């Protein structure tokens, strides 16, 4: 969020100094980067990794299979907190 606000502020200042046309050009470039599938995927992966690191729930591993359709899960004893 802080980076977004900083980028927004920088874009505003540069746009104001260079004029409306340059501001529009910077804004289009920013939007094309922010809306690209590669950027969205990178953000999603980062969020997922951060969520896993900050999760207070224990990670579960398979303890034993009861049958082909049923498995008992339990806390991962090897997980480093």
PDB file of N, CA and C in Angstrom:
ATOM      1  N   UNK A   1       0.820  -1.182   0.000  1.00  0.00           N
ATOM      2  CA  UNK A   1       0.000   0.000   0.000  1.00  0.00           C
ATOM      3  C   UNK A   1       0.872   1.256   0.000  1.00  0.00           C
ATOM      4  N   UNK A   2       1.958   1.219   0.768  1.00  0.00           N
ATOM      5  CA  UNK A   2       2.850   2.373   0.838  1.00  0.00           C
ATOM      6  C   UNK A   2       3.502   2.601  -0.529  1.00  0.00           C
ATOM      7  N   UNK A   3       3.920   1.516  -1.166  1.00  0.00           N
ATOM      8  CA  UNK A   3       4.534   1.650  -2.496  1.00  0.00           C
ATOM      9  C   UNK A   3       3.549   2.226  -3.500  1.00  0.00           C
ATOM     10  N   UNK A   4       2.307   1.783  -3.407  1.00  0.00           N
ATOM     11  CA  UNK A   4       1.283   2.294  -4.315  1.00  0.00           C
ATOM     12  C   UNK A   4       1.117   3.796  -4.140  1.00  0.00           C
ATOM     13  N   UNK A   5       1.018   4.243  -2.897  1.00  0.00           N
ATOM     14  CA  UNK A   5       0.859   5.672  -2.636  1.00  0.00           C
ATOM     15  C   UNK A   5       2.088   6.464  -3.076  1.00  0.00           C
ATOM     16  N   UNK A   6       3.268   5.886  -2.869  1.00  0.00           N
ATOM     17  CA  UNK A   6       4.497   6.554  -3.311  1.00  0.00           C
ATOM     18  C   UNK A   6       4.519   6.672  -4.835  1.00  0.00           C
ATOM     19  N   UNK A   7       4.149   5.590  -5.514  1.00  0.00           N
ATOM     20  CA  UNK A   7       4.119   5.622  -6.981  1.00  0.00           C
ATOM     21  C   UNK A   7       3.094   6.630  -7.471  1.00  0.00           C
ATOM     22  N   UNK A   8       1.972   6.682  -6.801  1.00  0.00           N
ATOM     23  CA  UNK A   8       0.935   7.640  -7.169  1.00  0.00           C
ATOM     24  C   UNK A   8       1.441   9.072  -6.993  1.00  0.00           C
ATOM     25  N   UNK A   9       2.121   9.324  -5.875  1.00  0.00           N
ATOM     26  CA  UNK A   9       2.669  10.659  -5.618  1.00  0.00           C
ATOM     27  C   UNK A   9       3.744  11.041  -6.622  1.00  0.00           C
ATOM     28  N   UNK A  10       4.627  10.102  -6.921  1.00  0.00           N
ATOM     29  CA  UNK A  10       5.686  10.360  -7.903  1.00  0.00           C
ATOM     30  C   UNK A  10       5.077  10.632  -9.274  1.00  0.00           C
ATOM     31  N   UNK A  11       4.099   9.831  -9.644  1.00  0.00           N
ATOM     32  CA  UNK A  11       3.417  10.044 -10.927  1.00  0.00           C
ATOM     33  C   UNK A  11       2.754  11.406 -10.992  1.00  0.00           C
ATOM     34  N   UNK A  12       2.167  11.824  -9.893  1.00  0.00           N
ATOM     35  CA  UNK A  12       1.517  13.134  -9.858  1.00  0.00           C
ATOM     36  C   UNK A  12       2.525  14.260 -10.029  1.00  0.00           C
ATOM     37  N   UNK A  13       3.618  14.164  -9.284  1.00  0.00           N
ATOM     38  CA  UNK A  13       4.644  15.221  -9.349  1.00  0.00           C
ATOM     39  C   UNK A  13       5.263  15.280 -10.740  1.00  0.00           C
ATOM     40  N   UNK A  14       5.645  14.130 -11.272  1.00  0.00           N
ATOM     41  CA  UNK A  14       6.237  14.116 -12.606  1.00  0.00           C
ATOM     42  C   UNK A  14       5.241  14.606 -13.642  1.00  0.00           C
ATOM     43  N   UNK A  15       4.004  14.216 -13.488  1.00  0.00           N
ATOM     44  CA  UNK A  15       2.970  14.667 -14.422  1.00  0.00           C
ATOM     45  C   UNK A  15       2.750  16.160 -14.346  1.00  0.00           C
ATOM     46  N   UNK A  16       2.761  16.701 -13.138  1.00  0.00           N
ATOM     47  CA  UNK A  16       2.546  18.132 -12.966  1.00  0.00           C
ATOM     48  C   UNK A  16       3.702  18.938 -13.565  1.00  0.00           C
ATOM     49  N   UNK A  17       4.932  18.428 -13.427  1.00  0.00           N
ATOM     50  CA  UNK A  17       6.090  19.146 -13.966  1.00  0.00           C
ATOM     51  C   UNK A  17       6.158  19.033 -15.486  1.00  0.00           C
ATOM     52  N   UNK A  18       5.801  17.873 -16.020  1.00  0.00           N
ATOM     53  CA  UNK A  18       5.949  17.643 -17.454  1.00  0.00           C
ATOM     54  C   UNK A  18       4.703  18.016 -18.240  1.00  0.00           C
ATOM     55  N   UNK A  19       3.632  18.293 -17.563  1.00  0.00           N
ATOM     56  CA  UNK A  19       2.405  18.645 -18.251  1.00  0.00           C
ATOM     57  C   UNK A  19       1.439  17.459 -18.317  1.00  0.00           C
ATOM     58  N   UNK A  20       0.251  17.776 -18.750  1.00  0.00           N
ATOM     59  CA  UNK A  20      -0.830  16.773 -18.774  1.00  0.00           C
ATOM     60  C   UNK A  20      -0.515  15.604 -19.694  1.00  0.00           C
ATOM     61  N   UNK A  21       0.066  15.881 -20.845  1.00  0.00           N
ATOM     62  CA  UNK A  21       0.351  14.821 -21.815  1.00  0.00           C
ATOM     63  C   UNK A  21       1.327  13.794 -21.233  1.00  0.00           C
ATOM     64  N   UNK A  22       2.377  14.257 -20.595  1.00  0.00           N
ATOM     65  CA  UNK A  22       3.358  13.353 -19.985  1.00  0.00           C
ATOM     66  C   UNK A  22       2.726  12.589 -18.824  1.00  0.00           C
ATOM     67  N   UNK A  23       1.882  13.269 -18.035  1.00  0.00           N
ATOM     68  CA  UNK A  23       1.191  12.615 -16.935  1.00  0.00           C
ATOM     69  C   UNK A  23       0.327  11.470 -17.458  1.00  0.00           C
ATOM     70  N   UNK A  24      -0.398  11.711 -18.515  1.00  0.00           N
ATOM     71  CA  UNK A  24      -1.243  10.671 -19.128  1.00  0.00           C
ATOM     72  C   UNK A  24      -0.377   9.492 -19.592  1.00  0.00           C
ATOM     73  N   UNK A  25       0.780   9.787 -20.168  1.00  0.00           N
ATOM     74  CA  UNK A  25       1.685   8.733 -20.639  1.00  0.00           C
ATOM     75  C   UNK A  25       2.191   7.890 -19.458  1.00  0.00           C
ATOM     76  N   UNK A  26       2.601   8.539 -18.389  1.00  0.00           N
ATOM     77  CA  UNK A  26       3.070   7.827 -17.193  1.00  0.00           C
ATOM     78  C   UNK A  26       1.938   6.991 -16.595  1.00  0.00           C
ATOM     79  N   UNK A  27       0.757   7.576 -16.547  1.00  0.00           N
ATOM     80  CA  UNK A  27      -0.395   6.886 -15.979  1.00  0.00           C
ATOM     81  C   UNK A  27      -0.748   5.635 -16.800  1.00  0.00           C
ATOM     82  N   UNK A  28      -0.704   5.732 -18.128  1.00  0.00           N
ATOM     83  CA  UNK A  28      -0.978   4.568 -18.990  1.00  0.00           C
ATOM     84  C   UNK A  28       0.060   3.478 -18.772  1.00  0.00           C
ATOM     85  N   UNK A  29       1.320   3.865 -18.657  1.00  0.00           N
ATOM     86  CA  UNK A  29       2.380   2.879 -18.428  1.00  0.00           C
ATOM     87  C   UNK A  29       2.178   2.185 -17.081  1.00  0.00           C
ATOM     88  N   UNK A  30       1.856   2.950 -16.058  1.00  0.00           N
ATOM     89  CA  UNK A  30       1.612   2.371 -14.739  1.00  0.00           C
ATOM     90  C   UNK A  30       0.441   1.396 -14.783  1.00  0.00           C
ATOM     91  N   UNK A  31      -0.645   1.795 -15.416  1.00  0.00           N
ATOM     92  CA  UNK A  31      -1.831   0.931 -15.491  1.00  0.00           C
ATOM     93  C   UNK A  31      -1.546  -0.346 -16.277  1.00  0.00           C
ATOM     94  N   UNK A  32      -0.780  -0.235 -17.355  1.00  0.00           N
ATOM     95  CA  UNK A  32      -0.486  -1.440 -18.138  1.00  0.00           C
ATOM     96  C   UNK A  32       0.358  -2.424 -17.333  1.00  0.00           C
ATOM     97  N   UNK A  33       1.255  -1.903 -16.507  1.00  0.00           N
ATOM     98  CA  UNK A  33       2.059  -2.780 -15.646  1.00  0.00           C
ATOM     99  C   UNK A  33       1.191  -3.357 -14.528  1.00  0.00           C
ATOM    100  N   UNK A  34       0.410  -2.515 -13.876  1.00  0.00           N
ATOM    101  CA  UNK A  34      -0.400  -2.951 -12.738  1.00  0.00           C
ATOM    102  C   UNK A  34      -1.474  -3.951 -13.149  1.00  0.00           C
ATOM    103  N   UNK A  35      -1.985  -3.837 -14.366  1.00  0.00           N
ATOM    104  CA  UNK A  35      -3.070  -4.706 -14.808  1.00  0.00           C
ATOM    105  C   UNK A  35      -2.595  -5.911 -15.604  1.00  0.00           C
ATOM    106  N   UNK A  36      -1.296  -6.060 -15.802  1.00  0.00           N
ATOM    107  CA  UNK A  36      -0.801  -7.182 -16.594  1.00  0.00           C
ATOM    108  C   UNK A  36      -0.958  -8.491 -15.830  1.00  0.00           C
ATOM    109  N   UNK A  37      -1.202  -9.593 -16.534  1.00  0.00           N
ATOM    110  CA  UNK A  37      -1.346 -10.900 -15.877  1.00  0.00           C
ATOM    111  C   UNK A  37      -0.094 -11.313 -15.097  1.00  0.00           C
ATOM    112  N   UNK A  38       1.082 -10.977 -15.604  1.00  0.00           N
ATOM    113  CA  UNK A  38       2.325 -11.343 -14.915  1.00  0.00           C
ATOM    114  C   UNK A  38       2.425 -10.637 -13.567  1.00  0.00           C
ATOM    115  N   UNK A  39       2.059  -9.363 -13.530  1.00  0.00           N
ATOM    116  CA  UNK A  39       2.095  -8.613 -12.287  1.00  0.00           C
ATOM    117  C   UNK A  39       1.077  -9.160 -11.301  1.00  0.00           C
ATOM    118  N   UNK A  40      -0.125  -9.443 -11.784  1.00  0.00           N
ATOM    119  CA  UNK A  40      -1.167  -9.985 -10.913  1.00  0.00           C
ATOM    120  C   UNK A  40      -0.746 -11.330 -10.335  1.00  0.00           C
ATOM    121  N   UNK A  41      -0.117 -12.178 -11.160  1.00  0.00           N
ATOM    122  CA  UNK A  41       0.333 -13.485 -10.681  1.00  0.00           C
ATOM    123  C   UNK A  41       1.423 -13.320  -9.614  1.00  0.00           C
ATOM    124  N   UNK A  42       2.368 -12.406  -9.859  1.00  0.00           N
ATOM    125  CA  UNK A  42       3.445 -12.167  -8.888  1.00  0.00           C
ATOM    126  C   UNK A  42       2.880 -11.664  -7.558  1.00  0.00           C
ATOM    127  N   UNK A  43       1.904 -10.791  -7.611  1.00  0.00           N
ATOM    128  CA  UNK A  43       1.273 -10.272  -6.396  1.00  0.00           C
ATOM    129  C   UNK A  43       0.544 -11.398  -5.669  1.00  0.00           C
ATOM    130  N   UNK A  44      -0.195 -12.231  -6.418  1.00  0.00           N
ATOM    131  CA  UNK A  44      -0.910 -13.351  -5.798  1.00  0.00           C
ATOM    132  C   UNK A  44       0.044 -14.331  -5.127  1.00  0.00           C
ATOM    133  N   UNK A  45       1.150 -14.645  -5.793  1.00  0.00           N
ATOM    134  CA  UNK A  45       2.135 -15.566  -5.215  1.00  0.00           C
ATOM    135  C   UNK A  45       2.732 -14.957  -3.948  1.00  0.00           C
ATOM    136  N   UNK A  46       3.061 -13.693  -3.992  1.00  0.00           N
ATOM    137  CA  UNK A  46       3.608 -13.010  -2.821  1.00  0.00           C
ATOM    138  C   UNK A  46       2.628 -13.004  -1.662  1.00  0.00           C
ATOM    139  N   UNK A  47       1.366 -12.735  -1.951  1.00  0.00           N
ATOM    140  CA  UNK A  47       0.345 -12.737  -0.906  1.00  0.00           C
ATOM    141  C   UNK A  47       0.184 -14.123  -0.295  1.00  0.00           C
ATOM    142  N   UNK A  48       0.197 -15.151  -1.152  1.00  0.00           N
ATOM    143  CA  UNK A  48       0.054 -16.520  -0.660  1.00  0.00           C
ATOM    144  C   UNK A  48       1.224 -16.891   0.257  1.00  0.00           C
ATOM    145  N   UNK A  49       2.441 -16.558  -0.158  1.00  0.00           N
ATOM    146  CA  UNK A  49       3.620 -16.868   0.664  1.00  0.00           C
ATOM    147  C   UNK A  49       3.572 -16.111   1.989  1.00  0.00           C
ATOM    148  N   UNK A  50       3.177 -14.861   1.946  1.00  0.00           N
ATOM    149  CA  UNK A  50       3.064 -14.077   3.166  1.00  0.00           C
ATOM    150  C   UNK A  50       1.986 -14.652   4.077  1.00  0.00           C
ATOM    151  N   UNK A  51       0.873 -15.064   3.492  1.00  0.00           N
ATOM    152  CA  UNK A  51      -0.207 -15.666   4.266  1.00  0.00           C
ATOM    153  C   UNK A  51       0.251 -16.949   4.951  1.00  0.00           C
ATOM    154  N   UNK A  52       1.015 -17.766   4.231  1.00  0.00           N
ATOM    155  CA  UNK A  52       1.525 -19.006   4.816  1.00  0.00           C
ATOM    156  C   UNK A  52       2.489 -18.719   5.970  1.00  0.00           C
ATOM    157  N   UNK A  53       3.311 -17.696   5.824  1.00  0.00           N
ATOM    158  CA  UNK A  53       4.273 -17.348   6.872  1.00  0.00           C
ATOM    159  C   UNK A  53       3.578 -16.796   8.120  1.00  0.00           C
ATOM    160  N   UNK A  54       2.514 -16.030   7.915  1.00  0.00           N
ATOM    161  CA  UNK A  54       1.838 -15.375   9.027  1.00  0.00           C
ATOM    162  C   UNK A  54       0.724 -16.221   9.637  1.00  0.00           C
ATOM    163  N   UNK A  55       0.394 -17.328   9.022  1.00  0.00           N
ATOM    164  CA  UNK A  55      -0.706 -18.169   9.488  1.00  0.00           C
ATOM    165  C   UNK A  55      -0.420 -18.715  10.887  1.00  0.00           C
ATOM    166  N   UNK A  56      -1.434 -18.652  11.740  1.00  0.00           N
ATOM    167  CA  UNK A  56      -1.312 -19.210  13.084  1.00  0.00           C
ATOM    168  C   UNK A  56      -1.826 -20.649  13.131  1.00  0.00           C
ATOM    169  N   UNK A  57      -2.442 -21.089  12.052  1.00  0.00           N
ATOM    170  CA  UNK A  57      -2.955 -22.450  11.987  1.00  0.00           C
ATOM    171  C   UNK A  57      -1.819 -23.415  11.688  1.00  0.00           C
ATOM    172  N   UNK A  58      -1.779 -24.562  12.365  1.00  0.00           N
ATOM    173  CA  UNK A  58      -0.712 -25.524  12.076  1.00  0.00           C
ATOM    174  C   UNK A  58      -0.905 -26.145  10.697  1.00  0.00           C
ATOM    175  N   UNK A  59       0.190 -26.375  10.017  1.00  0.00           N
ATOM    176  CA  UNK A  59       0.136 -27.031   8.717  1.00  0.00           C
ATOM    177  C   UNK A  59      -0.153 -28.510   8.953  1.00  0.00           C
ATOM    178  N   UNK A  60      -1.035 -29.084   8.157  1.00  0.00           N
ATOM    179  CA  UNK A  60      -1.444 -30.468   8.343  1.00  0.00           C
ATOM    180  C   UNK A  60      -0.733 -31.391   7.365  1.00  0.00           C
ATOM    181  N   UNK A  61      -0.421 -32.571   7.848  1.00  0.00           N
ATOM    182  CA  UNK A  61       0.170 -33.613   7.007  1.00  0.00           C
ATOM    183  C   UNK A  61      -0.637 -34.895   7.189  1.00  0.00           C
ATOM    184  N   UNK A  62      -0.481 -35.780   6.244  1.00  0.00           N
ATOM    185  CA  UNK A  62      -1.202 -37.043   6.297  1.00  0.00           C
ATOM    186  C   UNK A  62      -0.590 -37.935   7.388  1.00  0.00           C
ATOM    187  N   UNK A  63      -1.423 -38.374   8.330  1.00  0.00           N
ATOM    188  CA  UNK A  63      -0.962 -39.279   9.373  1.00  0.00           C
ATOM    189  C   UNK A  63      -1.153 -40.735   8.946  1.00  0.00           C
ATOM    190  N   UNK A  64      -2.360 -41.025   8.448  1.00  0.00           N
ATOM    191  CA  UNK A  64      -2.613 -42.390   7.977  1.00  0.00           C
ATOM    192  C   UNK A  64      -3.852 -42.387   7.107  1.00  0.00           C
ATOM    193  N   UNK A  65      -3.909 -43.344   6.214  1.00  0.00           N
ATOM    194  CA  UNK A  65      -5.074 -43.521   5.357  1.00  0.00           C
ATOM    195  C   UNK A  65      -5.965 -44.585   5.971  1.00  0.00           C
ATOM    196  N   UNK A  66      -7.239 -44.275   6.097  1.00  0.00           N
ATOM    197  CA  UNK A  66      -8.193 -45.240   6.628  1.00  0.00           C
ATOM    198  C   UNK A  66      -8.661 -46.164   5.511  1.00  0.00           C
ATOM    199  N   UNK A  67      -8.983 -45.561   4.385  1.00  0.00           N
ATOM    200  CA  UNK A  67      -9.331 -46.320   3.187  1.00  0.00           C
ATOM    201  C   UNK A  67      -8.982 -45.459   1.979  1.00  0.00           C
ATOM    202  N   UNK A  68      -9.425 -45.844   0.789  1.00  0.00           N
ATOM    203  CA  UNK A  68      -9.063 -45.107  -0.427  1.00  0.00           C
ATOM    204  C   UNK A  68      -9.596 -43.676  -0.440  1.00  0.00           C
ATOM    205  N   UNK A  69     -10.698 -43.431   0.257  1.00  0.00           N
ATOM    206  CA  UNK A  69     -11.331 -42.113   0.223  1.00  0.00           C
ATOM    207  C   UNK A  69     -11.136 -41.292   1.497  1.00  0.00           C
ATOM    208  N   UNK A  70     -10.585 -41.887   2.546  1.00  0.00           N
ATOM    209  CA  UNK A  70     -10.497 -41.207   3.833  1.00  0.00           C
ATOM    210  C   UNK A  70      -9.061 -41.230   4.356  1.00  0.00           C
ATOM    211  N   UNK A  71      -8.595 -40.055   4.738  1.00  0.00           N
ATOM    212  CA  UNK A  71      -7.249 -39.910   5.285  1.00  0.00           C
ATOM    213  C   UNK A  71      -7.315 -39.090   6.567  1.00  0.00           C
ATOM    214  N   UNK A  72      -6.538 -39.473   7.563  1.00  0.00           N
ATOM    215  CA  UNK A  72      -6.455 -38.722   8.810  1.00  0.00           C
ATOM    216  C   UNK A  72      -5.293 -37.742   8.687  1.00  0.00           C
ATOM    217  N   UNK A  73      -5.568 -36.462   8.994  1.00  0.00           N
ATOM    218  CA  UNK A  73      -4.553 -35.418   8.940  1.00  0.00           C
ATOM    219  C   UNK A  73      -4.227 -34.949  10.344  1.00  0.00           C
ATOM    220  N   UNK A  74      -3.008 -34.494  10.531  1.00  0.00           N
ATOM    221  CA  UNK A  74      -2.584 -33.973  11.824  1.00  0.00           C
ATOM    222  C   UNK A  74      -1.539 -32.901  11.641  1.00  0.00           C
ATOM    223  N   UNK A  75      -1.174 -32.203  12.731  1.00  0.00           N
ATOM    224  CA  UNK A  75      -0.172 -31.135  12.628  1.00  0.00           C
ATOM    225  C   UNK A  75       1.163 -31.680  12.140  1.00  0.00           C
ATOM    226  N   UNK A  76       1.846 -30.870  11.328  1.00  0.00           N
ATOM    227  CA  UNK A  76       3.165 -31.239  10.813  1.00  0.00           C
ATOM    228  C   UNK A  76       4.180 -31.009  11.922  1.00  0.00           C
ATOM    229  N   UNK A  77       4.784 -32.054  12.382  1.00  0.00           N
ATOM    230  CA  UNK A  77       5.756 -31.951  13.486  1.00  0.00           C
ATOM    231  C   UNK A  77       7.072 -31.325  13.044  1.00  0.00           C
ATOM    232  N   UNK A  78       7.356 -31.341  11.733  1.00  0.00           N
ATOM    233  CA  UNK A  78       8.626 -30.832  11.219  1.00  0.00           C
ATOM    234  C   UNK A  78       8.574 -29.366  10.842  1.00  0.00           C
ATOM    235  N   UNK A  79       7.421 -28.738  10.959  1.00  0.00           N
ATOM    236  CA  UNK A  79       7.278 -27.351  10.547  1.00  0.00           C
ATOM    237  C   UNK A  79       8.002 -26.442  11.525  1.00  0.00           C
ATOM    238  N   UNK A  80       8.827 -25.548  10.971  1.00  0.00           N
ATOM    239  CA  UNK A  80       9.557 -24.573  11.799  1.00  0.00           C
ATOM    240  C   UNK A  80       8.706 -23.342  11.968  1.00  0.00           C
ATOM    241  N   UNK A  81       8.443 -22.950  13.191  1.00  0.00           N
ATOM    242  CA  UNK A  81       7.629 -21.747  13.436  1.00  0.00           C
ATOM    243  C   UNK A  81       8.469 -20.565  13.706  1.00  0.00           C
TER     244      UNK A  81
END
